[in-house]
Amino acid sequence: MKSARTGFEAQVHRHTSSATPRHESTRDVLDVLSNSIARTTATRTKPEPPLPAPEVQTQPGRELLTEKMLADRWACSVARLQRWRTVGEGPPYLKIVGKVLYRLKDIEAYEEASLVRKVF
């Protein structure tokens, strides 16, 4: 019986001794990988933030409003604007290819002229 135990102990010893070098080689590979990752991270430069896109400035003199846009701006009906045009009231307008358009600068000037100031 003693020899069977000795044989079993010999197998355990061989299995343990052969596993140890493999375990150490795995540990060596992991150390190499972690060191390589650390070096790569340390040398990597951070990307610069993207530059903001330049804003496109529209020229107020070239902005045009449709009847609907002006009616929404003034909280009135399109019919009122049409009625004003037939009697010659309201802001100046353009008629291009059958479409009525208002220049923003004319609208702002009309609004400024319509501003009521209290006089005591």
PDB file of N, CA and C in Angstrom:
ATOM      1  N   MET A   1       0.808  -1.175   0.000  1.00  0.00           N
ATOM      2  CA  MET A   1       0.000   0.000   0.000  1.00  0.00           C
ATOM      3  C   MET A   1       0.862   1.254   0.000  1.00  0.00           C
ATOM      4  N   LYS A   2       1.944   1.162   0.689  1.00  0.00           N
ATOM      5  CA  LYS A   2       2.811   2.302   0.779  1.00  0.00           C
ATOM      6  C   LYS A   2       3.352   2.680  -0.587  1.00  0.00           C
ATOM      7  N   SER A   3       3.612   1.716  -1.444  1.00  0.00           N
ATOM      8  CA  SER A   3       4.132   2.011  -2.751  1.00  0.00           C
ATOM      9  C   SER A   3       3.069   2.673  -3.634  1.00  0.00           C
ATOM     10  N   ALA A   4       1.775   2.336  -3.436  1.00  0.00           N
ATOM     11  CA  ALA A   4       0.713   2.961  -4.212  1.00  0.00           C
ATOM     12  C   ALA A   4       0.601   4.435  -3.855  1.00  0.00           C
ATOM     13  N   ARG A   5       0.728   4.705  -2.547  1.00  0.00           N
ATOM     14  CA  ARG A   5       0.682   6.107  -2.141  1.00  0.00           C
ATOM     15  C   ARG A   5       1.877   6.848  -2.688  1.00  0.00           C
ATOM     16  N   THR A   6       2.970   6.238  -2.675  1.00  0.00           N
ATOM     17  CA  THR A   6       4.160   6.872  -3.169  1.00  0.00           C
ATOM     18  C   THR A   6       3.991   7.170  -4.663  1.00  0.00           C
ATOM     19  N   GLY A   7       3.387   6.263  -5.404  1.00  0.00           N
ATOM     20  CA  GLY A   7       3.144   6.484  -6.825  1.00  0.00           C
ATOM     21  C   GLY A   7       2.156   7.631  -7.050  1.00  0.00           C
ATOM     22  N   PHE A   8       1.113   7.653  -6.195  1.00  0.00           N
ATOM     23  CA  PHE A   8       0.123   8.729  -6.287  1.00  0.00           C
ATOM     24  C   PHE A   8       0.760  10.065  -5.946  1.00  0.00           C
ATOM     25  N   GLU A   9       1.557  10.069  -4.904  1.00  0.00           N
ATOM     26  CA  GLU A   9       2.256  11.294  -4.519  1.00  0.00           C
ATOM     27  C   GLU A   9       3.209  11.732  -5.627  1.00  0.00           C
ATOM     28  N   ALA A  10       3.811  10.761  -6.299  1.00  0.00           N
ATOM     29  CA  ALA A  10       4.714  11.096  -7.389  1.00  0.00           C
ATOM     30  C   ALA A  10       3.930  11.745  -8.538  1.00  0.00           C
ATOM     31  N   GLN A  11       2.720  11.240  -8.819  1.00  0.00           N
ATOM     32  CA  GLN A  11       1.899  11.834  -9.870  1.00  0.00           C
ATOM     33  C   GLN A  11       1.495  13.261  -9.508  1.00  0.00           C
ATOM     34  N   VAL A  12       1.097  13.467  -8.254  1.00  0.00           N
ATOM     35  CA  VAL A  12       0.695  14.798  -7.814  1.00  0.00           C
ATOM     36  C   VAL A  12       1.884  15.735  -7.918  1.00  0.00           C
ATOM     37  N   HIS A  13       3.052  15.270  -7.532  1.00  0.00           N
ATOM     38  CA  HIS A  13       4.248  16.098  -7.588  1.00  0.00           C
ATOM     39  C   HIS A  13       4.588  16.470  -9.031  1.00  0.00           C
ATOM     40  N   ARG A  14       4.503  15.468  -9.950  1.00  0.00           N
ATOM     41  CA  ARG A  14       4.783  15.755 -11.347  1.00  0.00           C
ATOM     42  C   ARG A  14       3.769  16.743 -11.915  1.00  0.00           C
ATOM     43  N   HIS A  15       2.488  16.551 -11.556  1.00  0.00           N
ATOM     44  CA  HIS A  15       1.447  17.437 -12.065  1.00  0.00           C
ATOM     45  C   HIS A  15       1.645  18.861 -11.530  1.00  0.00           C
ATOM     46  N   THR A  16       1.977  18.973 -10.277  1.00  0.00           N
ATOM     47  CA  THR A  16       2.210  20.274  -9.667  1.00  0.00           C
ATOM     48  C   THR A  16       3.453  20.922 -10.258  1.00  0.00           C
ATOM     49  N   SER A  17       4.507  20.179 -10.421  1.00  0.00           N
ATOM     50  CA  SER A  17       5.737  20.764 -10.925  1.00  0.00           C
ATOM     51  C   SER A  17       5.595  21.174 -12.388  1.00  0.00           C
ATOM     52  N   SER A  18       4.815  20.437 -13.193  1.00  0.00           N
ATOM     53  CA  SER A  18       4.654  20.827 -14.587  1.00  0.00           C
ATOM     54  C   SER A  18       3.687  22.012 -14.713  1.00  0.00           C
ATOM     55  N   ALA A  19       2.768  22.172 -13.764  1.00  0.00           N
ATOM     56  CA  ALA A  19       1.819  23.279 -13.808  1.00  0.00           C
ATOM     57  C   ALA A  19       2.486  24.585 -13.399  1.00  0.00           C
ATOM     58  N   THR A  20       3.446  24.532 -12.548  1.00  0.00           N
ATOM     59  CA  THR A  20       4.088  25.742 -12.053  1.00  0.00           C
ATOM     60  C   THR A  20       4.792  26.515 -13.161  1.00  0.00           C
ATOM     61  N   PRO A  21       5.598  25.888 -14.007  1.00  0.00           N
ATOM     62  CA  PRO A  21       6.238  26.662 -15.056  1.00  0.00           C
ATOM     63  C   PRO A  21       5.205  27.283 -16.021  1.00  0.00           C
ATOM     64  N   ARG A  22       4.127  26.530 -16.311  1.00  0.00           N
ATOM     65  CA  ARG A  22       3.125  27.082 -17.200  1.00  0.00           C
ATOM     66  C   ARG A  22       2.458  28.286 -16.529  1.00  0.00           C
ATOM     67  N   HIS A  23       2.207  28.206 -15.269  1.00  0.00           N
ATOM     68  CA  HIS A  23       1.599  29.313 -14.540  1.00  0.00           C
ATOM     69  C   HIS A  23       2.531  30.517 -14.548  1.00  0.00           C
ATOM     70  N   GLU A  24       3.792  30.286 -14.359  1.00  0.00           N
ATOM     71  CA  GLU A  24       4.764  31.381 -14.376  1.00  0.00           C
ATOM     72  C   GLU A  24       4.889  31.985 -15.771  1.00  0.00           C
ATOM     73  N   SER A  25       4.834  31.162 -16.804  1.00  0.00           N
ATOM     74  CA  SER A  25       4.934  31.701 -18.160  1.00  0.00           C
ATOM     75  C   SER A  25       3.689  32.534 -18.493  1.00  0.00           C
ATOM     76  N   THR A  26       2.530  32.122 -18.009  1.00  0.00           N
ATOM     77  CA  THR A  26       1.310  32.908 -18.207  1.00  0.00           C
ATOM     78  C   THR A  26       1.441  34.236 -17.490  1.00  0.00           C
ATOM     79  N   ARG A  27       1.969  34.201 -16.301  1.00  0.00           N
ATOM     80  CA  ARG A  27       2.159  35.436 -15.532  1.00  0.00           C
ATOM     81  C   ARG A  27       3.145  36.354 -16.249  1.00  0.00           C
ATOM     82  N   ASP A  28       4.201  35.805 -16.837  1.00  0.00           N
ATOM     83  CA  ASP A  28       5.170  36.609 -17.578  1.00  0.00           C
ATOM     84  C   ASP A  28       4.513  37.281 -18.786  1.00  0.00           C
ATOM     85  N   VAL A  29       3.675  36.547 -19.494  1.00  0.00           N
ATOM     86  CA  VAL A  29       2.993  37.101 -20.660  1.00  0.00           C
ATOM     87  C   VAL A  29       2.071  38.230 -20.227  1.00  0.00           C
ATOM     88  N   LEU A  30       1.341  38.024 -19.141  1.00  0.00           N
ATOM     89  CA  LEU A  30       0.436  39.067 -18.643  1.00  0.00           C
ATOM     90  C   LEU A  30       1.212  40.303 -18.209  1.00  0.00           C
ATOM     91  N   ASP A  31       2.361  40.115 -17.570  1.00  0.00           N
ATOM     92  CA  ASP A  31       3.197  41.251 -17.176  1.00  0.00           C
ATOM     93  C   ASP A  31       3.676  42.029 -18.395  1.00  0.00           C
ATOM     94  N   VAL A  32       4.114  41.312 -19.423  1.00  0.00           N
ATOM     95  CA  VAL A  32       4.579  41.962 -20.644  1.00  0.00           C
ATOM     96  C   VAL A  32       3.438  42.752 -21.280  1.00  0.00           C
ATOM     97  N   LEU A  33       2.247  42.156 -21.349  1.00  0.00           N
ATOM     98  CA  LEU A  33       1.096  42.836 -21.945  1.00  0.00           C
ATOM     99  C   LEU A  33       0.699  44.074 -21.159  1.00  0.00           C
ATOM    100  N   SER A  34       0.644  43.959 -19.844  1.00  0.00           N
ATOM    101  CA  SER A  34       0.236  45.121 -19.044  1.00  0.00           C
ATOM    102  C   SER A  34       1.276  46.238 -19.135  1.00  0.00           C
ATOM    103  N   ASN A  35       2.559  45.895 -19.169  1.00  0.00           N
ATOM    104  CA  ASN A  35       3.598  46.916 -19.331  1.00  0.00           C
ATOM    105  C   ASN A  35       3.494  47.593 -20.694  1.00  0.00           C
ATOM    106  N   SER A  36       3.219  46.795 -21.723  1.00  0.00           N
ATOM    107  CA  SER A  36       3.079  47.350 -23.059  1.00  0.00           C
ATOM    108  C   SER A  36       1.876  48.280 -23.144  1.00  0.00           C
ATOM    109  N   ILE A  37       0.781  47.895 -22.545  1.00  0.00           N
ATOM    110  CA  ILE A  37      -0.417  48.735 -22.541  1.00  0.00           C
ATOM    111  C   ILE A  37      -0.146  50.030 -21.786  1.00  0.00           C
ATOM    112  N   ALA A  38       0.536  49.932 -20.652  1.00  0.00           N
ATOM    113  CA  ALA A  38       0.847  51.123 -19.857  1.00  0.00           C
ATOM    114  C   ALA A  38       1.732  52.086 -20.652  1.00  0.00           C
ATOM    115  N   ARG A  39       2.727  51.556 -21.364  1.00  0.00           N
ATOM    116  CA  ARG A  39       3.599  52.419 -22.162  1.00  0.00           C
ATOM    117  C   ARG A  39       2.830  53.072 -23.312  1.00  0.00           C
ATOM    118  N   THR A  40       1.973  52.305 -23.955  1.00  0.00           N
ATOM    119  CA  THR A  40       1.179  52.846 -25.069  1.00  0.00           C
ATOM    120  C   THR A  40       0.261  53.953 -24.574  1.00  0.00           C
ATOM    121  N   THR A  41      -0.371  53.740 -23.442  1.00  0.00           N
ATOM    122  CA  THR A  41      -1.266  54.754 -22.879  1.00  0.00           C
ATOM    123  C   THR A  41      -0.499  56.003 -22.483  1.00  0.00           C
ATOM    124  N   ALA A  42       0.695  55.830 -21.935  1.00  0.00           N
ATOM    125  CA  ALA A  42       1.495  56.976 -21.494  1.00  0.00           C
ATOM    126  C   ALA A  42       1.979  57.809 -22.679  1.00  0.00           C
ATOM    127  N   THR A  43       2.292  57.163 -23.784  1.00  0.00           N
ATOM    128  CA  THR A  43       2.827  57.900 -24.933  1.00  0.00           C
ATOM    129  C   THR A  43       1.734  58.413 -25.865  1.00  0.00           C
ATOM    130  N   ARG A  44       0.538  57.928 -25.719  1.00  0.00           N
ATOM    131  CA  ARG A  44      -0.562  58.347 -26.598  1.00  0.00           C
ATOM    132  C   ARG A  44      -0.960  59.788 -26.267  1.00  0.00           C
ATOM    133  N   THR A  45      -1.079  60.603 -27.288  1.00  0.00           N
ATOM    134  CA  THR A  45      -1.501  61.988 -27.080  1.00  0.00           C
ATOM    135  C   THR A  45      -3.016  62.051 -27.110  1.00  0.00           C
ATOM    136  N   LYS A  46      -3.546  62.942 -26.325  1.00  0.00           N
ATOM    137  CA  LYS A  46      -4.992  63.100 -26.288  1.00  0.00           C
ATOM    138  C   LYS A  46      -5.429  63.871 -27.527  1.00  0.00           C
ATOM    139  N   PRO A  47      -6.524  63.451 -28.139  1.00  0.00           N
ATOM    140  CA  PRO A  47      -6.985  64.160 -29.333  1.00  0.00           C
ATOM    141  C   PRO A  47      -7.472  65.559 -28.973  1.00  0.00           C
ATOM    142  N   GLU A  48      -7.218  66.498 -29.878  1.00  0.00           N
ATOM    143  CA  GLU A  48      -7.658  67.867 -29.646  1.00  0.00           C
ATOM    144  C   GLU A  48      -9.155  67.950 -29.874  1.00  0.00           C
ATOM    145  N   PRO A  49      -9.837  68.788 -29.093  1.00  0.00           N
ATOM    146  CA  PRO A  49     -11.276  68.913 -29.315  1.00  0.00           C
ATOM    147  C   PRO A  49     -11.543  69.527 -30.683  1.00  0.00           C
ATOM    148  N   PRO A  50     -12.641  69.132 -31.317  1.00  0.00           N
ATOM    149  CA  PRO A  50     -12.917  69.675 -32.647  1.00  0.00           C
ATOM    150  C   PRO A  50     -13.199  71.169 -32.575  1.00  0.00           C
ATOM    151  N   LEU A  51     -12.781  71.874 -33.612  1.00  0.00           N
ATOM    152  CA  LEU A  51     -13.013  73.306 -33.657  1.00  0.00           C
ATOM    153  C   LEU A  51     -14.490  73.572 -33.919  1.00  0.00           C
ATOM    154  N   PRO A  52     -15.045  74.597 -33.271  1.00  0.00           N
ATOM    155  CA  PRO A  52     -16.456  74.889 -33.525  1.00  0.00           C
ATOM    156  C   PRO A  52     -16.650  75.367 -34.960  1.00  0.00           C
ATOM    157  N   ALA A  53     -17.764  74.965 -35.536  1.00  0.00           N
ATOM    158  CA  ALA A  53     -18.067  75.355 -36.911  1.00  0.00           C
ATOM    159  C   ALA A  53     -18.377  76.843 -36.951  1.00  0.00           C
ATOM    160  N   PRO A  54     -17.853  77.544 -37.940  1.00  0.00           N
ATOM    161  CA  PRO A  54     -18.140  78.975 -38.013  1.00  0.00           C
ATOM    162  C   PRO A  54     -19.620  79.194 -38.304  1.00  0.00           C
ATOM    163  N   GLU A  55     -20.175  80.186 -37.620  1.00  0.00           N
ATOM    164  CA  GLU A  55     -21.581  80.486 -37.823  1.00  0.00           C
ATOM    165  C   GLU A  55     -21.751  81.270 -39.120  1.00  0.00           C
ATOM    166  N   VAL A  56     -22.741  80.896 -39.867  1.00  0.00           N
ATOM    167  CA  VAL A  56     -23.026  81.588 -41.109  1.00  0.00           C
ATOM    168  C   VAL A  56     -23.942  82.758 -40.784  1.00  0.00           C
ATOM    169  N   GLN A  57     -23.452  83.939 -41.024  1.00  0.00           N
ATOM    170  CA  GLN A  57     -24.226  85.139 -40.745  1.00  0.00           C
ATOM    171  C   GLN A  57     -25.076  85.462 -41.972  1.00  0.00           C
ATOM    172  N   THR A  58     -26.361  85.627 -41.737  1.00  0.00           N
ATOM    173  CA  THR A  58     -27.228  86.026 -42.841  1.00  0.00           C
ATOM    174  C   THR A  58     -27.351  87.534 -42.816  1.00  0.00           C
ATOM    175  N   GLN A  59     -27.425  88.096 -43.975  1.00  0.00           N
ATOM    176  CA  GLN A  59     -27.576  89.539 -44.062  1.00  0.00           C
ATOM    177  C   GLN A  59     -29.044  89.883 -43.884  1.00  0.00           C
ATOM    178  N   PRO A  60     -29.366  90.716 -42.885  1.00  0.00           N
ATOM    179  CA  PRO A  60     -30.770  91.022 -42.633  1.00  0.00           C
ATOM    180  C   PRO A  60     -31.472  91.612 -43.845  1.00  0.00           C
ATOM    181  N   GLY A  61     -30.777  92.368 -44.711  1.00  0.00           N
ATOM    182  CA  GLY A  61     -31.391  92.974 -45.871  1.00  0.00           C
ATOM    183  C   GLY A  61     -31.825  91.958 -46.912  1.00  0.00           C
ATOM    184  N   ARG A  62     -31.323  90.758 -46.845  1.00  0.00           N
ATOM    185  CA  ARG A  62     -31.647  89.755 -47.854  1.00  0.00           C
ATOM    186  C   ARG A  62     -32.635  88.715 -47.343  1.00  0.00           C
ATOM    187  N   GLU A  63     -33.042  88.816 -46.085  1.00  0.00           N
ATOM    188  CA  GLU A  63     -33.996  87.850 -45.556  1.00  0.00           C
ATOM    189  C   GLU A  63     -35.389  88.209 -46.019  1.00  0.00           C
ATOM    190  N   LEU A  64     -36.096  87.196 -46.457  1.00  0.00           N
ATOM    191  CA  LEU A  64     -37.448  87.401 -46.949  1.00  0.00           C
ATOM    192  C   LEU A  64     -38.433  86.567 -46.134  1.00  0.00           C
ATOM    193  N   LEU A  65     -39.614  87.131 -45.912  1.00  0.00           N
ATOM    194  CA  LEU A  65     -40.666  86.433 -45.192  1.00  0.00           C
ATOM    195  C   LEU A  65     -41.854  86.245 -46.125  1.00  0.00           C
ATOM    196  N   THR A  66     -42.494  85.102 -46.012  1.00  0.00           N
ATOM    197  CA  THR A  66     -43.717  84.862 -46.771  1.00  0.00           C
ATOM    198  C   THR A  66     -44.895  85.478 -46.014  1.00  0.00           C
ATOM    199  N   GLU A  67     -46.070  85.474 -46.646  1.00  0.00           N
ATOM    200  CA  GLU A  67     -47.273  85.974 -45.980  1.00  0.00           C
ATOM    201  C   GLU A  67     -47.526  85.214 -44.682  1.00  0.00           C
ATOM    202  N   LYS A  68     -47.383  83.915 -44.752  1.00  0.00           N
ATOM    203  CA  LYS A  68     -47.635  83.060 -43.581  1.00  0.00           C
ATOM    204  C   LYS A  68     -46.654  83.384 -42.454  1.00  0.00           C
ATOM    205  N   MET A  69     -45.395  83.566 -42.802  1.00  0.00           N
ATOM    206  CA  MET A  69     -44.380  83.869 -41.786  1.00  0.00           C
ATOM    207  C   MET A  69     -44.678  85.201 -41.118  1.00  0.00           C
ATOM    208  N   LEU A  70     -45.067  86.200 -41.904  1.00  0.00           N
ATOM    209  CA  LEU A  70     -45.382  87.509 -41.330  1.00  0.00           C
ATOM    210  C   LEU A  70     -46.651  87.443 -40.494  1.00  0.00           C
ATOM    211  N   ALA A  71     -47.643  86.702 -40.975  1.00  0.00           N
ATOM    212  CA  ALA A  71     -48.877  86.546 -40.203  1.00  0.00           C
ATOM    213  C   ALA A  71     -48.585  85.876 -38.857  1.00  0.00           C
ATOM    214  N   ASP A  72     -47.710  84.892 -38.851  1.00  0.00           N
ATOM    215  CA  ASP A  72     -47.317  84.247 -37.587  1.00  0.00           C
ATOM    216  C   ASP A  72     -46.560  85.219 -36.694  1.00  0.00           C
ATOM    217  N   ARG A  73     -45.700  86.017 -37.272  1.00  0.00           N
ATOM    218  CA  ARG A  73     -44.902  86.980 -36.499  1.00  0.00           C
ATOM    219  C   ARG A  73     -45.800  88.015 -35.823  1.00  0.00           C
ATOM    220  N   TRP A  74     -46.810  88.467 -36.534  1.00  0.00           N
ATOM    221  CA  TRP A  74     -47.691  89.504 -36.002  1.00  0.00           C
ATOM    222  C   TRP A  74     -48.965  88.944 -35.373  1.00  0.00           C
ATOM    223  N   ALA A  75     -49.122  87.640 -35.372  1.00  0.00           N
ATOM    224  CA  ALA A  75     -50.312  86.997 -34.803  1.00  0.00           C
ATOM    225  C   ALA A  75     -51.583  87.552 -35.448  1.00  0.00           C
ATOM    226  N   CYS A  76     -51.586  87.590 -36.764  1.00  0.00           N
ATOM    227  CA  CYS A  76     -52.764  88.027 -37.504  1.00  0.00           C
ATOM    228  C   CYS A  76     -53.017  87.031 -38.630  1.00  0.00           C
ATOM    229  N   SER A  77     -54.068  87.248 -39.383  1.00  0.00           N
ATOM    230  CA  SER A  77     -54.391  86.324 -40.476  1.00  0.00           C
ATOM    231  C   SER A  77     -53.709  86.760 -41.775  1.00  0.00           C
ATOM    232  N   VAL A  78     -53.545  85.797 -42.649  1.00  0.00           N
ATOM    233  CA  VAL A  78     -53.001  86.081 -43.978  1.00  0.00           C
ATOM    234  C   VAL A  78     -53.982  86.972 -44.737  1.00  0.00           C
ATOM    235  N   ALA A  79     -55.278  86.773 -44.498  1.00  0.00           N
ATOM    236  CA  ALA A  79     -56.312  87.584 -45.168  1.00  0.00           C
ATOM    237  C   ALA A  79     -56.161  89.061 -44.822  1.00  0.00           C
ATOM    238  N   ARG A  80     -55.781  89.366 -43.584  1.00  0.00           N
ATOM    239  CA  ARG A  80     -55.580  90.770 -43.199  1.00  0.00           C
ATOM    240  C   ARG A  80     -54.446  91.385 -44.015  1.00  0.00           C
ATOM    241  N   LEU A  81     -53.350  90.655 -44.169  1.00  0.00           N
ATOM    242  CA  LEU A  81     -52.224  91.161 -44.952  1.00  0.00           C
ATOM    243  C   LEU A  81     -52.639  91.368 -46.408  1.00  0.00           C
ATOM    244  N   GLN A  82     -53.428  90.435 -46.939  1.00  0.00           N
ATOM    245  CA  GLN A  82     -53.908  90.567 -48.315  1.00  0.00           C
ATOM    246  C   GLN A  82     -54.815  91.798 -48.462  1.00  0.00           C
ATOM    247  N   ARG A  83     -55.681  92.006 -47.471  1.00  0.00           N
ATOM    248  CA  ARG A  83     -56.580  93.163 -47.495  1.00  0.00           C
ATOM    249  C   ARG A  83     -55.791  94.465 -47.440  1.00  0.00           C
ATOM    250  N   TRP A  84     -54.751  94.511 -46.577  1.00  0.00           N
ATOM    251  CA  TRP A  84     -53.914  95.713 -46.483  1.00  0.00           C
ATOM    252  C   TRP A  84     -53.257  96.024 -47.824  1.00  0.00           C
ATOM    253  N   ARG A  85     -52.799  94.964 -48.512  1.00  0.00           N
ATOM    254  CA  ARG A  85     -52.129  95.199 -49.794  1.00  0.00           C
ATOM    255  C   ARG A  85     -53.098  95.783 -50.820  1.00  0.00           C
ATOM    256  N   THR A  86     -54.338  95.340 -50.822  1.00  0.00           N
ATOM    257  CA  THR A  86     -55.302  95.839 -51.807  1.00  0.00           C
ATOM    258  C   THR A  86     -55.675  97.295 -51.560  1.00  0.00           C
ATOM    259  N   VAL A  87     -55.637  97.744 -50.293  1.00  0.00           N
ATOM    260  CA  VAL A  87     -55.989  99.139 -49.995  1.00  0.00           C
ATOM    261  C   VAL A  87     -54.760 100.023 -49.826  1.00  0.00           C
ATOM    262  N   GLY A  88     -53.550  99.434 -49.976  1.00  0.00           N
ATOM    263  CA  GLY A  88     -52.331 100.226 -49.901  1.00  0.00           C
ATOM    264  C   GLY A  88     -51.824 100.468 -48.493  1.00  0.00           C
ATOM    265  N   GLU A  89     -52.227  99.665 -47.551  1.00  0.00           N
ATOM    266  CA  GLU A  89     -51.737  99.783 -46.170  1.00  0.00           C
ATOM    267  C   GLU A  89     -50.662  98.725 -45.910  1.00  0.00           C
ATOM    268  N   GLY A  90     -50.073  98.821 -44.753  1.00  0.00           N
ATOM    269  CA  GLY A  90     -49.101  97.817 -44.340  1.00  0.00           C
ATOM    270  C   GLY A  90     -47.709  98.080 -44.882  1.00  0.00           C
ATOM    271  N   PRO A  91     -46.818  97.159 -44.625  1.00  0.00           N
ATOM    272  CA  PRO A  91     -45.419  97.338 -45.058  1.00  0.00           C
ATOM    273  C   PRO A  91     -45.265  97.110 -46.555  1.00  0.00           C
ATOM    274  N   PRO A  92     -44.196  97.640 -47.133  1.00  0.00           N
ATOM    275  CA  PRO A  92     -43.934  97.369 -48.550  1.00  0.00           C
ATOM    276  C   PRO A  92     -43.661  95.880 -48.769  1.00  0.00           C
ATOM    277  N   TYR A  93     -43.948  95.411 -49.967  1.00  0.00           N
ATOM    278  CA  TYR A  93     -43.757  93.994 -50.260  1.00  0.00           C
ATOM    279  C   TYR A  93     -43.200  93.817 -51.663  1.00  0.00           C
ATOM    280  N   LEU A  94     -42.709  92.635 -51.918  1.00  0.00           N
ATOM    281  CA  LEU A  94     -42.205  92.252 -53.234  1.00  0.00           C
ATOM    282  C   LEU A  94     -43.174  91.241 -53.831  1.00  0.00           C
ATOM    283  N   LYS A  95     -43.297  91.253 -55.133  1.00  0.00           N
ATOM    284  CA  LYS A  95     -44.070  90.205 -55.796  1.00  0.00           C
ATOM    285  C   LYS A  95     -43.152  89.607 -56.846  1.00  0.00           C
ATOM    286  N   ILE A  96     -42.663  88.415 -56.544  1.00  0.00           N
ATOM    287  CA  ILE A  96     -41.713  87.737 -57.417  1.00  0.00           C
ATOM    288  C   ILE A  96     -42.338  86.429 -57.879  1.00  0.00           C
ATOM    289  N   VAL A  97     -42.485  86.287 -59.185  1.00  0.00           N
ATOM    290  CA  VAL A  97     -43.069  85.097 -59.813  1.00  0.00           C
ATOM    291  C   VAL A  97     -44.420  84.763 -59.166  1.00  0.00           C
ATOM    292  N   GLY A  98     -45.202  85.807 -58.938  1.00  0.00           N
ATOM    293  CA  GLY A  98     -46.539  85.610 -58.389  1.00  0.00           C
ATOM    294  C   GLY A  98     -46.590  85.344 -56.903  1.00  0.00           C
ATOM    295  N   LYS A  99     -45.455  85.367 -56.226  1.00  0.00           N
ATOM    296  CA  LYS A  99     -45.412  85.098 -54.794  1.00  0.00           C
ATOM    297  C   LYS A  99     -45.112  86.396 -54.058  1.00  0.00           C
ATOM    298  N   VAL A 100     -45.887  86.666 -53.002  1.00  0.00           N
ATOM    299  CA  VAL A 100     -45.706  87.881 -52.212  1.00  0.00           C
ATOM    300  C   VAL A 100     -44.676  87.601 -51.130  1.00  0.00           C
ATOM    301  N   LEU A 101     -43.652  88.458 -51.058  1.00  0.00           N
ATOM    302  CA  LEU A 101     -42.587  88.333 -50.061  1.00  0.00           C
ATOM    303  C   LEU A 101     -42.355  89.684 -49.398  1.00  0.00           C
ATOM    304  N   TYR A 102     -41.997  89.634 -48.130  1.00  0.00           N
ATOM    305  CA  TYR A 102     -41.694  90.846 -47.372  1.00  0.00           C
ATOM    306  C   TYR A 102     -40.221  90.805 -46.966  1.00  0.00           C
ATOM    307  N   ARG A 103     -39.530  91.910 -47.149  1.00  0.00           N
ATOM    308  CA  ARG A 103     -38.140  91.991 -46.693  1.00  0.00           C
ATOM    309  C   ARG A 103     -38.140  92.253 -45.194  1.00  0.00           C
ATOM    310  N   LEU A 104     -37.248  91.574 -44.502  1.00  0.00           N
ATOM    311  CA  LEU A 104     -37.181  91.697 -43.047  1.00  0.00           C
ATOM    312  C   LEU A 104     -36.875  93.131 -42.639  1.00  0.00           C
ATOM    313  N   LYS A 105     -35.999  93.806 -43.357  1.00  0.00           N
ATOM    314  CA  LYS A 105     -35.658  95.183 -42.979  1.00  0.00           C
ATOM    315  C   LYS A 105     -36.883  96.095 -43.122  1.00  0.00           C
ATOM    316  N   ASP A 106     -37.765  95.843 -44.114  1.00  0.00           N
ATOM    317  CA  ASP A 106     -38.989  96.631 -44.262  1.00  0.00           C
ATOM    318  C   ASP A 106     -39.965  96.339 -43.122  1.00  0.00           C
ATOM    319  N   ILE A 107     -40.033  95.095 -42.730  1.00  0.00           N
ATOM    320  CA  ILE A 107     -40.921  94.704 -41.624  1.00  0.00           C
ATOM    321  C   ILE A 107     -40.460  95.370 -40.336  1.00  0.00           C
ATOM    322  N   GLU A 108     -39.144  95.308 -40.076  1.00  0.00           N
ATOM    323  CA  GLU A 108     -38.615  95.929 -38.854  1.00  0.00           C
ATOM    324  C   GLU A 108     -38.818  97.438 -38.874  1.00  0.00           C
ATOM    325  N   ALA A 109     -38.655  98.066 -40.028  1.00  0.00           N
ATOM    326  CA  ALA A 109     -38.884  99.513 -40.133  1.00  0.00           C
ATOM    327  C   ALA A 109     -40.360  99.838 -39.897  1.00  0.00           C
ATOM    328  N   TYR A 110     -41.262  99.036 -40.435  1.00  0.00           N
ATOM    329  CA  TYR A 110     -42.692  99.250 -40.238  1.00  0.00           C
ATOM    330  C   TYR A 110     -43.051  99.080 -38.761  1.00  0.00           C
ATOM    331  N   GLU A 111     -42.478  98.065 -38.137  1.00  0.00           N
ATOM    332  CA  GLU A 111     -42.736  97.852 -36.710  1.00  0.00           C
ATOM    333  C   GLU A 111     -42.227  99.033 -35.888  1.00  0.00           C
ATOM    334  N   GLU A 112     -41.056  99.544 -36.219  1.00  0.00           N
ATOM    335  CA  GLU A 112     -40.486 100.685 -35.492  1.00  0.00           C
ATOM    336  C   GLU A 112     -41.376 101.924 -35.684  1.00  0.00           C
ATOM    337  N   ALA A 113     -41.869 102.135 -36.893  1.00  0.00           N
ATOM    338  CA  ALA A 113     -42.734 103.283 -37.164  1.00  0.00           C
ATOM    339  C   ALA A 113     -44.091 103.135 -36.470  1.00  0.00           C
ATOM    340  N   SER A 114     -44.510 101.902 -36.226  1.00  0.00           N
ATOM    341  CA  SER A 114     -45.800 101.656 -35.577  1.00  0.00           C
ATOM    342  C   SER A 114     -45.705 101.660 -34.057  1.00  0.00           C
ATOM    343  N   LEU A 115     -44.509 101.809 -33.543  1.00  0.00           N
ATOM    344  CA  LEU A 115     -44.303 101.800 -32.093  1.00  0.00           C
ATOM    345  C   LEU A 115     -45.011 102.992 -31.459  1.00  0.00           C
ATOM    346  N   VAL A 116     -45.839 102.710 -30.469  1.00  0.00           N
ATOM    347  CA  VAL A 116     -46.590 103.778 -29.790  1.00  0.00           C
ATOM    348  C   VAL A 116     -45.823 104.147 -28.529  1.00  0.00           C
ATOM    349  N   ARG A 117     -45.543 105.444 -28.423  1.00  0.00           N
ATOM    350  CA  ARG A 117     -44.855 105.950 -27.229  1.00  0.00           C
ATOM    351  C   ARG A 117     -45.839 106.841 -26.490  1.00  0.00           C
ATOM    352  N   LYS A 118     -45.905 106.622 -25.211  1.00  0.00           N
ATOM    353  CA  LYS A 118     -46.829 107.433 -24.413  1.00  0.00           C
ATOM    354  C   LYS A 118     -46.287 108.848 -24.267  1.00  0.00           C
ATOM    355  N   VAL A 119     -47.181 109.802 -24.456  1.00  0.00           N
ATOM    356  CA  VAL A 119     -46.823 111.207 -24.291  1.00  0.00           C
ATOM    357  C   VAL A 119     -47.753 111.755 -23.236  1.00  0.00           C
ATOM    358  N   PHE A 120     -47.203 112.359 -22.182  1.00  0.00           N
ATOM    359  CA  PHE A 120     -48.054 112.900 -21.119  1.00  0.00           C
ATOM    360  C   PHE A 120     -48.267 114.352 -21.290  1.00  0.00           C
TER     361      PHE A 120
END
